[in-house]
Amino acid sequence: MEIDEQLVYGELSAKRNAIWSLLLSSGYLKVTGKKFCLRTGRYTYMLALTNREVSVMFEAMVQNWFAVSEGEQ
């Protein structure tokens, strides 16, 4: 993902990939690698969850999303 280190809260809904910058800056994600693109002059970062607790939290959140949508049918 490309990361925007200058992200402003109001841009979250306007920028498609802004959520990754937000999750990184809030500590839910960490950078595990980066590549420089000569064509764009920007870095692309490889991201991962920071620890098991964060992984469990996101897993439960996604399961709840699907449980709610299945129950509404």
C-alpha atoms as a PDB file:
ATOM      1  CA  MET A   1       0.000   0.000   0.000  1.00  0.00           C
ATOM      2  CA  GLU A   2       1.031   3.578  -0.486  1.00  0.00           C
ATOM      3  CA  ILE A   3       1.058   5.392   2.839  1.00  0.00           C
ATOM      4  CA  ASP A   4       0.174   9.057   3.245  1.00  0.00           C
ATOM      5  CA  GLU A   5       2.058  10.350   6.288  1.00  0.00           C
ATOM      6  CA  GLN A   6       0.322  13.738   5.978  1.00  0.00           C
ATOM      7  CA  LEU A   7      -3.205  12.348   6.099  1.00  0.00           C
ATOM      8  CA  VAL A   8      -5.866  14.688   7.443  1.00  0.00           C
ATOM      9  CA  TYR A   9      -8.973  13.228   9.111  1.00  0.00           C
ATOM     10  CA  GLY A  10     -11.276  14.965   6.610  1.00  0.00           C
ATOM     11  CA  GLU A  11      -9.581  13.090   3.747  1.00  0.00           C
ATOM     12  CA  LEU A  12     -10.519   9.643   5.050  1.00  0.00           C
ATOM     13  CA  SER A  13     -13.691   9.429   2.984  1.00  0.00           C
ATOM     14  CA  ALA A  14     -12.098  10.994  -0.109  1.00  0.00           C
ATOM     15  CA  LYS A  15      -8.980   8.825  -0.382  1.00  0.00           C
ATOM     16  CA  ARG A  16      -9.582   5.178  -1.163  1.00  0.00           C
ATOM     17  CA  ASN A  17      -6.503   3.804   0.617  1.00  0.00           C
ATOM     18  CA  ALA A  18      -6.504   6.251   3.547  1.00  0.00           C
ATOM     19  CA  ILE A  19      -7.622   3.565   5.995  1.00  0.00           C
ATOM     20  CA  TRP A  20      -4.207   1.880   5.743  1.00  0.00           C
ATOM     21  CA  SER A  21      -2.454   5.110   6.761  1.00  0.00           C
ATOM     22  CA  LEU A  22      -4.859   5.511   9.663  1.00  0.00           C
ATOM     23  CA  LEU A  23      -4.376   1.927  10.887  1.00  0.00           C
ATOM     24  CA  LEU A  24      -0.591   2.286  10.606  1.00  0.00           C
ATOM     25  CA  SER A  25      -0.426   5.590  12.475  1.00  0.00           C
ATOM     26  CA  SER A  26      -2.731   4.273  15.215  1.00  0.00           C
ATOM     27  CA  GLY A  27      -0.548   1.216  15.832  1.00  0.00           C
ATOM     28  CA  TYR A  28      -2.765  -1.556  14.472  1.00  0.00           C
ATOM     29  CA  LEU A  29      -0.416  -2.192  11.534  1.00  0.00           C
ATOM     30  CA  LYS A  30       3.349  -2.236  11.148  1.00  0.00           C
ATOM     31  CA  VAL A  31       5.632  -1.896   8.117  1.00  0.00           C
ATOM     32  CA  THR A  32       7.338  -5.177   7.234  1.00  0.00           C
ATOM     33  CA  GLY A  33       9.014  -4.002   4.030  1.00  0.00           C
ATOM     34  CA  LYS A  34       9.056  -1.286   1.388  1.00  0.00           C
ATOM     35  CA  LYS A  35       9.805  -0.896  -2.309  1.00  0.00           C
ATOM     36  CA  PHE A  36      10.622   2.249  -4.250  1.00  0.00           C
ATOM     37  CA  CYS A  37       8.807   2.734  -7.576  1.00  0.00           C
ATOM     38  CA  LEU A  38      10.941   4.621 -10.097  1.00  0.00           C
ATOM     39  CA  ARG A  39       7.918   5.413 -12.246  1.00  0.00           C
ATOM     40  CA  THR A  40       5.987   7.238  -9.509  1.00  0.00           C
ATOM     41  CA  GLY A  41       8.867   8.250  -7.241  1.00  0.00           C
ATOM     42  CA  ARG A  42       6.970   6.883  -4.229  1.00  0.00           C
ATOM     43  CA  TYR A  43       7.369   3.999  -1.818  1.00  0.00           C
ATOM     44  CA  THR A  44       4.969   1.087  -1.544  1.00  0.00           C
ATOM     45  CA  TYR A  45       4.863  -0.554   1.890  1.00  0.00           C
ATOM     46  CA  MET A  46       4.118  -4.115   2.945  1.00  0.00           C
ATOM     47  CA  LEU A  47       1.945  -4.068   6.071  1.00  0.00           C
ATOM     48  CA  ALA A  48       1.101  -6.620   8.767  1.00  0.00           C
ATOM     49  CA  LEU A  49      -0.900  -6.699  11.968  1.00  0.00           C
ATOM     50  CA  THR A  50       1.232  -5.793  14.974  1.00  0.00           C
ATOM     51  CA  ASN A  51       0.406  -8.669  17.326  1.00  0.00           C
ATOM     52  CA  ARG A  52      -1.945 -11.502  18.210  1.00  0.00           C
ATOM     53  CA  GLU A  53      -4.341  -9.286  20.191  1.00  0.00           C
ATOM     54  CA  VAL A  54      -4.905  -7.047  17.170  1.00  0.00           C
ATOM     55  CA  SER A  55      -5.380 -10.101  14.965  1.00  0.00           C
ATOM     56  CA  VAL A  56      -7.999 -11.554  17.327  1.00  0.00           C
ATOM     57  CA  MET A  57      -9.788  -8.192  17.516  1.00  0.00           C
ATOM     58  CA  PHE A  58     -10.034  -7.841  13.718  1.00  0.00           C
ATOM     59  CA  GLU A  59     -11.055 -11.471  13.288  1.00  0.00           C
ATOM     60  CA  ALA A  60     -13.925 -11.004  15.766  1.00  0.00           C
ATOM     61  CA  MET A  61     -14.969  -7.754  14.077  1.00  0.00           C
ATOM     62  CA  VAL A  62     -15.161  -9.372  10.627  1.00  0.00           C
ATOM     63  CA  GLN A  63     -17.029 -12.399  11.995  1.00  0.00           C
ATOM     64  CA  ASN A  64     -19.584 -10.039  13.584  1.00  0.00           C
ATOM     65  CA  TRP A  65     -20.088  -8.211  10.283  1.00  0.00           C
ATOM     66  CA  PHE A  66     -20.984 -11.486   8.545  1.00  0.00           C
ATOM     67  CA  ALA A  67     -23.089 -12.760  11.457  1.00  0.00           C
ATOM     68  CA  VAL A  68     -25.215  -9.597  11.335  1.00  0.00           C
ATOM     69  CA  SER A  69     -25.694  -9.739   7.565  1.00  0.00           C
ATOM     70  CA  GLU A  70     -26.576 -13.474   7.656  1.00  0.00           C
ATOM     71  CA  GLY A  71     -29.151 -12.901  10.418  1.00  0.00           C
ATOM     72  CA  GLU A  72     -30.857 -10.084   8.465  1.00  0.00           C
ATOM     73  CA  GLN A  73     -31.626 -12.273   5.472  1.00  0.00           C
END
